[in-house]
Amino acid sequence: MARSTFAIAVAWTALMILTAMVIDVVQANVGVNWGTMASHPLNPHIVVNLLKDNGIKKVKLFDSDSWTVSALAGSKIETIVAIPNDQLESIASDYNLAKDWVKENITTHIYEGGVDIRYIAVGNEPFLTAFNGSYVKLTFPAMENIQKALNEANYGKKIKVTTPLNADVYESASNQPSDGQFRSDIHDTMKDIVNFLNRNDAPFVVNIYPFLSLYQNPDFPVDFAFLDENGKSINDKGKTYTNVFDANYDTLVWALKKIGVGDLKIIVGEVGWPTDANKFANVELAKRFYDGLFKKLASKKGTPMRPNEKLEVYLFGLFDEDMKSILPGFFERHWGIFRYDGKPKFPIDFTGKENDKLPVAAKGVQYLEHKWCVVKNNVKDLRTIASQIDYACSMSDCTSLVYGSSCNNLNHRGNVSFAYNMYFQMQDQSVEACVFDGSAEIVTKNASVGNCLFPIQIVSTGQRLMTMNIVSFVATVLVGLVLSMYV
């Protein structure tokens, strides 16, 4: 009996060790993108604790904001800091500015118990066709100057310079991965960058979005966007593909191979699924996508072209961001695994073993008062306040009201109240923000309807006044115009 008990104990211990190893393997290769394009961003220290509570060991930032980066000190979280596109010209043209940037944004944080900075992302998707070539001649020189400055500061071996690129930098005329090659208009620049990465032992960072394949092409097979192997397979030179993620990744592998660096390390800088503001953007499909992704990571299988490679990915994103541009689509503000306030949206098993549980929510979050702004009951003809809806939506976030969204089923009065409340919350519940020519009132009864959340905004100690650019403003106004047609 004692022997049997001992054997059980040994087996149980071995199982626990194996489980821990699986968790470590998966989580060691999973990071998150921490964006801050929000009207009321969470305190960075709250965010860092959230990352630690959920065992997230890697984070990718979109700038080098000192308050954000400093909050990571002592956390042992591997960090990617970034240089935004609008700084590329100055960094590329003036080496002294590159040196100053490294001193202010890297050296400051490197000390015993400081920030574990691993990469510097120079630009963000700088070769998007939407930029009309604005950054094509700036990105590589900026990378060279930052690398030179890092070497001079003796950080060049530990901290690597790269640039996150959208998957549109390569293409395949036949949609077969083996036909993959870099775009002809940037081919020479890509060759310079790829050789630079290879010389400096730095990774190629690519953003892959299966959701966009579905969103942009109405004929795209839905199941092929997910990684649960339910998609119809395609064959390419003896390699079988059951999902667009693998096919996209291997298109890049072929492009690299043709340029002479087929074994260059690849990091997926952004991958995820939005949860609102489109018929394909919802919690159920997001969960399906992440379940498949984590199961793939847990299997330790790579892609058909690199079957033994442990994939390294950064999920996009950590939070919903209510001030992101919606020009690419209304869903842009809903990529978060967590809501704007750090509450999880759905169960996730980071181990890929289908042991679903809700991620740990952010702790210490403070909310504004339990108050909502809604349309008055005595307003009978809603058409008379259409301009008020336009204004409210142009200055807040009404994307949850568009077709296919979580609040799409509200009636006309509900649409108006939602728009009013979003503006009211964005303005920190100011009494003056709930007037709308006398058509609105403040209530203390929760105005949420079914699955449609009428949020209460958080108290944001790090709130920054952010001004929307004209393009983003005009795009946001479109939401109000769409809604005004229904009242």
Protein backbone atom coordinates (compact mmCIF):
# COMPACT_ATOMS: atom_id res chain seq x y z
CA MET A 1 0.00 0.00 0.00
CA ALA A 2 2.84 2.37 0.89
CA ARG A 3 4.57 1.51 -2.34
CA SER A 4 1.39 2.25 -4.30
CA THR A 5 0.94 5.59 -2.54
CA PHE A 6 4.56 6.47 -3.25
CA ALA A 7 4.16 5.56 -6.92
CA ILE A 8 1.05 7.71 -7.19
CA ALA A 9 2.87 10.60 -5.54
CA VAL A 10 5.80 10.26 -7.93
CA ALA A 11 3.48 10.08 -10.95
CA TRP A 12 1.50 13.11 -9.74
CA THR A 13 4.68 15.11 -9.20
CA ALA A 14 5.91 14.19 -12.67
CA LEU A 15 2.60 15.25 -14.16
CA MET A 16 2.75 18.59 -12.37
CA ILE A 17 6.31 19.18 -13.59
CA LEU A 18 5.33 18.28 -17.16
CA THR A 19 2.30 20.57 -16.99
CA ALA A 20 4.45 23.42 -15.70
CA MET A 21 6.94 22.81 -18.51
CA VAL A 22 4.15 22.97 -21.11
CA ILE A 23 2.84 26.22 -19.61
CA ASP A 24 6.34 27.71 -19.57
CA VAL A 25 7.02 26.68 -23.18
CA VAL A 26 3.80 28.24 -24.43
CA GLN A 27 3.90 31.39 -22.32
CA ALA A 28 7.60 31.91 -23.01
CA ASN A 29 6.71 32.30 -26.69
CA VAL A 30 3.61 34.47 -26.22
CA GLY A 31 3.62 38.21 -25.69
CA VAL A 32 1.03 40.95 -25.98
CA ASN A 33 0.81 44.33 -27.66
CA TRP A 34 0.11 47.10 -25.16
CA GLY A 35 -1.47 50.00 -27.00
CA THR A 36 -2.52 53.24 -25.33
CA MET A 37 -4.75 54.94 -27.91
CA ALA A 38 -7.46 55.34 -25.30
CA SER A 39 -9.20 58.36 -23.87
CA HIS A 40 -8.74 56.94 -20.36
CA PRO A 41 -5.71 54.62 -20.35
CA LEU A 42 -5.13 52.42 -17.33
CA ASN A 43 -2.34 53.30 -14.94
CA PRO A 44 0.82 51.54 -16.25
CA HIS A 45 1.52 50.00 -12.84
CA ILE A 46 -1.94 48.41 -12.88
CA VAL A 47 -1.23 47.06 -16.36
CA VAL A 48 2.13 45.58 -15.35
CA ASN A 49 0.49 43.78 -12.43
CA LEU A 50 -2.15 42.48 -14.84
CA LEU A 51 0.59 41.06 -17.09
CA LYS A 52 2.31 39.40 -14.14
CA ASP A 53 -0.95 37.99 -12.74
CA ASN A 54 -1.60 36.29 -16.08
CA GLY A 55 1.92 34.96 -16.54
CA ILE A 56 2.58 37.12 -19.59
CA LYS A 57 6.34 37.46 -19.95
CA LYS A 58 6.69 39.53 -23.10
CA VAL A 59 5.22 42.89 -24.08
CA LYS A 60 5.43 45.03 -27.19
CA LEU A 61 4.91 48.79 -26.97
CA PHE A 62 4.21 51.31 -29.72
CA ASP A 63 6.39 54.06 -28.32
CA SER A 64 8.89 54.61 -25.52
CA ASP A 65 6.75 56.65 -23.13
CA SER A 66 8.86 57.00 -20.00
CA TRP A 67 6.02 56.43 -17.53
CA THR A 68 4.95 53.24 -19.29
CA VAL A 69 8.46 51.83 -19.73
CA SER A 70 9.49 52.72 -16.17
CA ALA A 71 6.52 50.77 -14.81
CA LEU A 72 8.08 47.61 -16.26
CA ALA A 73 11.23 47.98 -14.14
CA GLY A 74 11.84 44.93 -11.99
CA SER A 75 9.05 42.92 -13.64
CA LYS A 76 11.42 40.72 -15.69
CA ILE A 77 9.00 41.13 -18.61
CA GLU A 78 10.84 41.13 -21.93
CA THR A 79 10.04 44.43 -23.59
CA ILE A 80 9.94 45.83 -27.11
CA VAL A 81 10.03 49.61 -27.22
CA ALA A 82 9.27 51.53 -30.39
CA ILE A 83 10.01 54.61 -32.43
CA PRO A 84 6.77 55.89 -34.06
CA ASN A 85 6.69 56.59 -37.78
CA ASP A 86 6.54 60.35 -37.29
CA GLN A 87 10.02 60.25 -35.72
CA LEU A 88 11.68 58.28 -38.52
CA GLU A 89 12.73 61.30 -40.56
CA SER A 90 14.63 62.98 -37.72
CA ILE A 91 16.30 59.73 -36.60
CA ALA A 92 17.26 58.83 -40.17
CA SER A 93 18.73 62.23 -40.99
CA ASP A 94 20.63 63.02 -37.79
CA TYR A 95 22.82 60.45 -36.02
CA ASN A 96 23.14 62.70 -32.98
CA LEU A 97 19.38 62.53 -32.54
CA ALA A 98 19.60 58.75 -32.73
CA LYS A 99 22.24 58.83 -29.99
CA ASP A 100 20.06 61.08 -27.88
CA TRP A 101 17.09 58.77 -28.38
CA VAL A 102 19.06 55.75 -27.19
CA LYS A 103 20.36 57.66 -24.19
CA GLU A 104 16.93 58.92 -23.17
CA ASN A 105 14.87 55.84 -23.96
CA ILE A 106 17.25 52.91 -23.47
CA THR A 107 20.19 53.81 -21.25
CA THR A 108 17.87 55.42 -18.70
CA HIS A 109 16.09 52.10 -18.12
CA ILE A 110 19.10 49.76 -18.17
CA TYR A 111 20.30 49.13 -14.62
CA GLU A 112 20.21 46.37 -12.03
CA GLY A 113 16.53 45.60 -11.57
CA GLY A 114 15.59 47.87 -14.49
CA VAL A 115 13.64 47.15 -17.66
CA ASP A 116 14.45 44.05 -19.71
CA ILE A 117 14.49 45.70 -23.14
CA ARG A 118 15.12 43.15 -25.91
CA TYR A 119 14.14 44.90 -29.14
CA ILE A 120 13.68 48.36 -30.59
CA ALA A 121 10.92 48.53 -33.18
CA VAL A 122 11.87 51.27 -35.64
CA GLY A 123 8.57 52.41 -37.12
CA ASN A 124 5.31 50.51 -37.26
CA GLU A 125 4.23 48.96 -40.55
CA PRO A 126 6.06 51.80 -42.36
CA PHE A 127 5.64 50.26 -45.82
CA LEU A 128 1.85 50.05 -45.82
CA THR A 129 0.60 51.01 -49.26
CA ALA A 130 -1.74 53.47 -47.52
CA PHE A 131 1.33 55.58 -46.61
CA ASN A 132 2.15 56.11 -50.30
CA GLY A 133 5.84 55.43 -49.81
CA SER A 134 6.32 58.16 -47.20
CA TYR A 135 8.63 56.04 -45.04
CA VAL A 136 10.30 53.80 -47.61
CA LYS A 137 13.50 55.85 -47.77
CA LEU A 138 13.54 56.63 -44.04
CA THR A 139 13.10 53.33 -42.25
CA PHE A 140 16.36 51.60 -43.11
CA PRO A 141 18.60 54.65 -42.42
CA ALA A 142 16.81 55.11 -39.09
CA MET A 143 17.46 51.46 -38.24
CA GLU A 144 21.14 51.86 -39.10
CA ASN A 145 21.50 54.95 -36.94
CA ILE A 146 19.80 53.34 -33.94
CA GLN A 147 21.96 50.22 -34.34
CA LYS A 148 25.11 52.35 -34.49
CA ALA A 149 24.03 54.25 -31.38
CA LEU A 150 23.30 51.00 -29.55
CA ASN A 151 26.72 49.62 -30.48
CA GLU A 152 28.39 52.79 -29.26
CA ALA A 153 26.52 52.48 -25.96
CA ASN A 154 27.55 48.79 -25.71
CA TYR A 155 23.99 47.49 -25.97
CA GLY A 156 24.18 46.20 -29.54
CA LYS A 157 24.57 42.53 -28.64
CA LYS A 158 21.69 42.35 -26.19
CA ILE A 159 19.15 44.73 -27.73
CA LYS A 160 18.23 44.11 -31.35
CA VAL A 161 16.90 46.60 -33.90
CA THR A 162 14.05 45.57 -36.16
CA THR A 163 10.92 47.03 -37.79
CA PRO A 164 7.42 45.51 -37.54
CA LEU A 165 6.02 45.05 -41.05
CA ASN A 166 2.56 44.33 -42.31
CA ALA A 167 2.14 41.15 -44.31
CA ASP A 168 1.51 43.27 -47.41
CA VAL A 169 5.28 43.71 -47.87
CA TYR A 170 5.24 40.34 -49.63
CA GLU A 171 2.81 38.82 -52.09
CA SER A 172 1.99 35.74 -54.11
CA ALA A 173 0.43 36.06 -57.55
CA SER A 174 -1.05 32.55 -57.31
CA ASN A 175 -1.88 32.66 -53.58
CA GLN A 176 0.48 29.71 -53.18
CA PRO A 177 3.16 30.26 -50.49
CA SER A 178 5.90 29.02 -52.82
CA ASP A 179 5.27 31.98 -55.13
CA GLY A 180 5.92 34.41 -52.28
CA GLN A 181 8.22 37.35 -52.94
CA PHE A 182 8.65 40.87 -51.64
CA ARG A 183 6.70 43.62 -53.34
CA SER A 184 8.46 44.93 -56.41
CA ASP A 185 8.19 48.60 -55.34
CA ILE A 186 10.13 47.94 -52.11
CA HIS A 187 12.20 44.93 -53.14
CA ASP A 188 15.60 46.64 -52.93
CA THR A 189 14.79 48.26 -49.60
CA MET A 190 13.55 44.95 -48.20
CA LYS A 191 16.76 43.28 -49.33
CA ASP A 192 18.79 45.90 -47.45
CA ILE A 193 16.66 45.46 -44.31
CA VAL A 194 16.71 41.66 -44.41
CA ASN A 195 20.49 41.57 -44.80
CA PHE A 196 20.80 44.09 -41.96
CA LEU A 197 18.67 41.87 -39.71
CA ASN A 198 20.71 38.82 -40.68
CA ARG A 199 24.05 40.55 -39.94
CA ASN A 200 22.86 41.71 -36.54
CA ASP A 201 21.15 38.47 -35.53
CA ALA A 202 17.83 40.32 -35.33
CA PRO A 203 14.39 38.91 -36.20
CA PHE A 204 12.03 39.75 -39.02
CA VAL A 205 8.85 41.00 -37.34
CA VAL A 206 5.64 40.53 -39.31
CA ASN A 207 1.99 41.24 -38.45
CA ILE A 208 -0.43 38.55 -39.63
CA TYR A 209 -4.20 39.03 -39.39
CA PRO A 210 -6.39 36.11 -40.55
CA PHE A 211 -9.44 38.22 -39.61
CA LEU A 212 -8.55 40.77 -42.30
CA SER A 213 -8.52 38.04 -44.95
CA LEU A 214 -12.11 37.32 -43.99
CA TYR A 215 -13.08 40.98 -43.68
CA GLN A 216 -11.57 42.11 -46.97
CA ASN A 217 -12.73 39.22 -49.15
CA PRO A 218 -16.42 38.20 -49.05
CA ASP A 219 -15.56 34.95 -50.85
CA PHE A 220 -12.84 33.95 -48.38
CA PRO A 221 -13.61 30.53 -46.80
CA VAL A 222 -14.50 31.24 -43.16
CA ASP A 223 -12.97 28.07 -41.67
CA PHE A 224 -9.62 28.77 -43.36
CA ALA A 225 -9.25 31.85 -41.11
CA PHE A 226 -9.02 29.66 -37.99
CA LEU A 227 -6.37 27.26 -36.76
CA ASP A 228 -8.62 24.37 -35.67
CA GLU A 229 -8.00 22.44 -38.91
CA ASN A 230 -11.62 22.61 -40.07
CA GLY A 231 -10.67 24.55 -43.18
CA LYS A 232 -10.43 22.97 -46.60
CA SER A 233 -6.76 22.19 -47.16
CA ILE A 234 -4.61 23.37 -50.04
CA ASN A 235 -1.46 21.74 -51.32
CA ASP A 236 1.67 23.57 -52.39
CA LYS A 237 4.72 21.62 -53.51
CA GLY A 238 3.86 18.75 -51.19
CA LYS A 239 3.05 21.01 -48.22
CA THR A 240 -0.50 20.95 -46.87
CA TYR A 241 -2.15 24.09 -45.50
CA THR A 242 -5.37 24.10 -43.47
CA ASN A 243 -5.36 27.77 -42.41
CA VAL A 244 -4.35 31.16 -43.73
CA PHE A 245 -1.96 31.87 -40.83
CA ASP A 246 0.39 29.07 -41.86
CA ALA A 247 0.04 29.94 -45.54
CA ASN A 248 0.80 33.61 -44.89
CA TYR A 249 3.78 32.81 -42.65
CA ASP A 250 5.27 30.45 -45.24
CA THR A 251 4.76 32.99 -48.01
CA LEU A 252 7.19 35.13 -46.02
CA VAL A 253 9.53 32.16 -45.57
CA TRP A 254 9.64 31.70 -49.34
CA ALA A 255 10.22 35.43 -49.89
CA LEU A 256 13.14 35.33 -47.46
CA LYS A 257 14.48 32.19 -49.10
CA LYS A 258 14.46 33.85 -52.53
CA ILE A 259 16.33 36.84 -51.17
CA GLY A 260 19.03 34.59 -49.69
CA VAL A 261 18.19 34.37 -45.96
CA GLY A 262 15.72 31.50 -45.73
CA ASP A 263 16.57 30.71 -42.11
CA LEU A 264 16.14 34.23 -40.70
CA LYS A 265 14.29 34.25 -37.37
CA ILE A 266 10.66 35.38 -37.64
CA ILE A 267 8.53 36.89 -34.88
CA VAL A 268 4.82 37.45 -35.39
CA GLY A 269 4.52 40.96 -34.01
CA GLU A 270 0.73 41.13 -34.09
CA VAL A 271 -1.91 38.42 -34.35
CA GLY A 272 -5.41 38.39 -32.91
CA TRP A 273 -9.14 38.70 -33.48
CA PRO A 274 -11.47 41.65 -32.74
CA THR A 275 -14.63 41.21 -30.70
CA ASP A 276 -17.01 43.90 -31.93
CA ALA A 277 -18.08 46.26 -34.74
CA ASN A 278 -18.31 43.69 -37.54
CA LYS A 279 -20.38 40.57 -38.17
CA PHE A 280 -17.23 38.45 -37.91
CA ALA A 281 -15.89 40.37 -34.91
CA ASN A 282 -17.40 38.84 -31.78
CA VAL A 283 -16.39 37.04 -28.62
CA GLU A 284 -17.31 33.59 -29.93
CA LEU A 285 -15.13 33.78 -33.03
CA ALA A 286 -12.30 35.46 -31.10
CA LYS A 287 -12.30 32.58 -28.64
CA ARG A 288 -12.30 30.07 -31.49
CA PHE A 289 -9.30 31.80 -33.04
CA TYR A 290 -7.29 31.99 -29.82
CA ASP A 291 -8.12 28.41 -28.85
CA GLY A 292 -6.70 27.24 -32.16
CA LEU A 293 -3.65 29.48 -31.89
CA PHE A 294 -2.73 28.34 -28.37
CA LYS A 295 -3.32 24.71 -29.24
CA LYS A 296 -0.92 25.11 -32.13
CA LEU A 297 1.69 26.73 -29.90
CA ALA A 298 1.32 23.97 -27.31
CA SER A 299 1.89 21.32 -29.99
CA LYS A 300 5.35 22.80 -30.61
CA LYS A 301 4.70 22.47 -34.31
CA GLY A 302 5.66 25.25 -36.62
CA THR A 303 4.43 25.73 -40.17
CA PRO A 304 4.78 23.33 -43.12
CA MET A 305 7.95 25.12 -44.27
CA ARG A 306 9.39 25.30 -40.75
CA PRO A 307 7.81 22.33 -38.94
CA ASN A 308 10.29 22.26 -36.06
CA GLU A 309 10.27 25.98 -35.33
CA LYS A 310 8.78 27.23 -32.06
CA LEU A 311 6.57 30.11 -33.10
CA GLU A 312 6.93 33.36 -31.17
CA VAL A 313 3.85 35.58 -31.32
CA TYR A 314 2.58 38.81 -29.77
CA LEU A 315 -1.17 38.93 -29.36
CA PHE A 316 -3.02 42.00 -30.55
CA GLY A 317 -4.01 43.39 -28.34
CA LEU A 318 -4.20 43.79 -24.63
CA PHE A 319 -7.03 46.35 -24.35
CA ASP A 320 -9.74 47.94 -26.46
CA GLU A 321 -8.64 51.44 -27.54
CA ASP A 322 -11.43 53.93 -28.08
CA MET A 323 -9.32 56.52 -29.91
CA LYS A 324 -7.78 54.36 -32.62
CA SER A 325 -8.45 55.41 -36.18
CA ILE A 326 -11.41 53.57 -37.68
CA LEU A 327 -10.39 54.14 -41.28
CA PRO A 328 -9.35 50.44 -41.63
CA GLY A 329 -12.71 49.41 -40.11
CA PHE A 330 -14.92 50.07 -37.08
CA PHE A 331 -13.52 46.92 -35.44
CA GLU A 332 -10.14 48.64 -34.96
CA ARG A 333 -11.18 49.77 -31.48
CA HIS A 334 -12.07 46.27 -30.31
CA TRP A 335 -8.97 44.07 -30.60
CA GLY A 336 -8.44 43.70 -26.85
CA ILE A 337 -8.43 40.45 -24.93
CA PHE A 338 -9.46 42.75 -22.10
CA ARG A 339 -12.01 45.55 -22.12
CA TYR A 340 -10.99 49.18 -21.73
CA ASP A 341 -11.09 48.73 -17.93
CA GLY A 342 -8.98 45.58 -17.75
CA LYS A 343 -11.85 43.10 -17.40
CA PRO A 344 -11.43 39.91 -19.48
CA LYS A 345 -13.88 39.33 -22.31
CA PHE A 346 -13.81 35.54 -22.54
CA PRO A 347 -12.04 32.46 -21.11
CA ILE A 348 -8.58 31.77 -22.51
CA ASP A 349 -6.23 28.87 -21.90
CA PHE A 350 -2.73 30.14 -22.59
CA THR A 351 -1.44 26.54 -22.33
CA GLY A 352 -3.49 25.34 -25.29
CA LYS A 353 -4.82 22.41 -23.26
CA GLU A 354 -8.45 23.57 -23.34
CA ASN A 355 -8.52 24.25 -19.60
CA ASP A 356 -10.61 27.38 -20.05
CA LYS A 357 -10.66 30.04 -17.38
CA LEU A 358 -11.09 33.77 -17.38
CA PRO A 359 -7.82 35.70 -17.33
CA VAL A 360 -7.13 37.64 -14.13
CA ALA A 361 -8.75 41.07 -14.30
CA ALA A 362 -6.90 44.32 -13.62
CA LYS A 363 -6.79 45.17 -9.94
CA GLY A 364 -7.18 48.58 -8.36
CA VAL A 365 -9.23 50.10 -11.18
CA GLN A 366 -11.38 53.04 -10.09
CA TYR A 367 -14.54 54.05 -11.93
CA LEU A 368 -16.43 57.28 -12.23
CA GLU A 369 -19.81 57.53 -10.49
CA HIS A 370 -22.62 55.14 -11.41
CA LYS A 371 -24.28 57.59 -13.75
CA TRP A 372 -25.45 57.39 -17.34
CA CYS A 373 -26.63 59.97 -19.85
CA VAL A 374 -29.73 59.00 -21.87
CA VAL A 375 -32.33 60.64 -24.07
CA LYS A 376 -35.33 62.06 -22.22
CA ASN A 377 -38.60 60.15 -22.41
CA ASN A 378 -40.47 63.28 -23.48
CA VAL A 379 -38.47 63.52 -26.72
CA LYS A 380 -40.89 61.92 -29.15
CA ASP A 381 -39.57 62.87 -32.59
CA LEU A 382 -35.98 61.57 -32.60
CA ARG A 383 -35.36 62.99 -36.08
CA THR A 384 -35.13 66.46 -34.55
CA ILE A 385 -31.96 65.49 -32.67
CA ALA A 386 -30.08 63.71 -35.48
CA SER A 387 -27.37 66.38 -35.43
CA GLN A 388 -26.86 65.76 -31.70
CA ILE A 389 -26.12 62.09 -32.42
CA ASP A 390 -23.62 63.07 -35.09
CA TYR A 391 -21.82 65.31 -32.65
CA ALA A 392 -21.83 62.78 -29.80
CA CYS A 393 -20.40 60.03 -32.00
CA SER A 394 -17.81 62.27 -33.63
CA MET A 395 -16.39 63.06 -30.20
CA SER A 396 -16.58 59.56 -28.69
CA ASP A 397 -16.86 55.93 -29.79
CA CYS A 398 -20.12 54.64 -31.27
CA THR A 399 -18.61 51.68 -33.15
CA SER A 400 -20.56 49.17 -31.04
CA LEU A 401 -23.74 50.39 -32.76
CA VAL A 402 -22.86 49.60 -36.37
CA TYR A 403 -24.20 46.58 -38.24
CA GLY A 404 -23.07 43.26 -36.79
CA SER A 405 -22.03 44.81 -33.47
CA SER A 406 -22.94 44.02 -29.86
CA CYS A 407 -25.39 46.95 -29.65
CA ASN A 408 -26.79 46.63 -33.16
CA ASN A 409 -30.17 45.42 -31.86
CA LEU A 410 -31.06 48.55 -29.89
CA ASN A 411 -34.13 50.46 -30.96
CA HIS A 412 -33.93 54.07 -32.18
CA ARG A 413 -34.16 55.48 -28.69
CA GLY A 414 -31.49 53.09 -27.48
CA ASN A 415 -29.14 54.21 -30.26
CA VAL A 416 -29.50 57.82 -29.19
CA SER A 417 -28.97 57.03 -25.50
CA PHE A 418 -25.87 54.95 -26.29
CA ALA A 419 -24.35 57.80 -28.29
CA TYR A 420 -25.17 60.33 -25.57
CA ASN A 421 -23.69 58.15 -22.85
CA MET A 422 -20.45 57.47 -24.73
CA TYR A 423 -19.88 61.20 -25.10
CA PHE A 424 -20.85 61.80 -21.46
CA GLN A 425 -18.37 59.20 -20.22
CA MET A 426 -15.63 60.44 -22.55
CA GLN A 427 -16.08 63.88 -20.97
CA ASP A 428 -15.64 62.47 -17.45
CA GLN A 429 -19.39 62.67 -16.75
CA SER A 430 -19.42 66.44 -16.88
CA VAL A 431 -22.94 67.79 -16.34
CA GLU A 432 -22.46 70.01 -19.38
CA ALA A 433 -21.82 66.88 -21.46
CA CYS A 434 -25.36 65.62 -20.93
CA VAL A 435 -27.42 68.50 -22.30
CA PHE A 436 -27.74 68.04 -26.08
CA ASP A 437 -30.12 70.97 -26.47
CA GLY A 438 -32.21 69.77 -23.55
CA SER A 439 -32.88 66.31 -25.02
CA ALA A 440 -30.75 64.37 -22.50
CA GLU A 441 -30.77 63.60 -18.79
CA ILE A 442 -28.50 61.92 -16.23
CA VAL A 443 -29.83 58.73 -14.62
CA THR A 444 -28.49 56.41 -11.91
CA LYS A 445 -30.14 53.21 -13.16
CA ASN A 446 -27.84 51.11 -15.34
CA ALA A 447 -28.79 51.89 -18.95
CA SER A 448 -27.24 48.73 -20.41
CA VAL A 449 -29.58 46.60 -22.53
CA GLY A 450 -29.02 42.84 -22.71
CA ASN A 451 -25.52 42.19 -24.04
CA CYS A 452 -25.10 45.83 -24.99
CA LEU A 453 -22.91 47.51 -22.40
CA PHE A 454 -23.43 51.16 -21.62
CA PRO A 455 -20.02 51.63 -19.98
CA ILE A 456 -18.99 53.74 -17.05
CA GLN A 457 -15.59 55.27 -17.72
CA ILE A 458 -12.62 54.71 -15.43
CA VAL A 459 -10.65 57.26 -13.45
CA SER A 460 -7.45 57.56 -15.42
CA THR A 461 -4.60 59.03 -13.40
CA GLY A 462 -2.44 58.99 -16.47
CA GLN A 463 -5.02 60.52 -18.75
CA ARG A 464 -3.49 62.36 -21.64
CA LEU A 465 -5.34 64.87 -23.77
CA MET A 466 -5.27 63.41 -27.24
CA THR A 467 -6.38 65.31 -30.31
CA MET A 468 -7.85 63.31 -33.16
CA ASN A 469 -6.35 64.07 -36.55
CA ILE A 470 -8.71 65.32 -39.24
CA VAL A 471 -8.88 62.01 -41.08
CA SER A 472 -9.80 60.09 -37.94
CA PHE A 473 -12.35 62.76 -37.00
CA VAL A 474 -14.08 62.57 -40.38
CA ALA A 475 -14.12 58.77 -40.20
CA THR A 476 -15.70 58.89 -36.77
CA VAL A 477 -18.38 61.31 -37.95
CA LEU A 478 -19.42 58.65 -40.45
CA VAL A 479 -20.63 56.48 -37.58
CA GLY A 480 -22.98 59.25 -36.49
CA LEU A 481 -24.21 59.73 -40.02
CA VAL A 482 -24.97 56.03 -40.32
CA LEU A 483 -26.88 56.09 -37.04
CA SER A 484 -28.80 59.24 -37.93
CA MET A 485 -30.45 57.36 -40.78
CA TYR A 486 -32.20 55.15 -38.24
CA VAL A 487 -33.80 57.93 -36.19
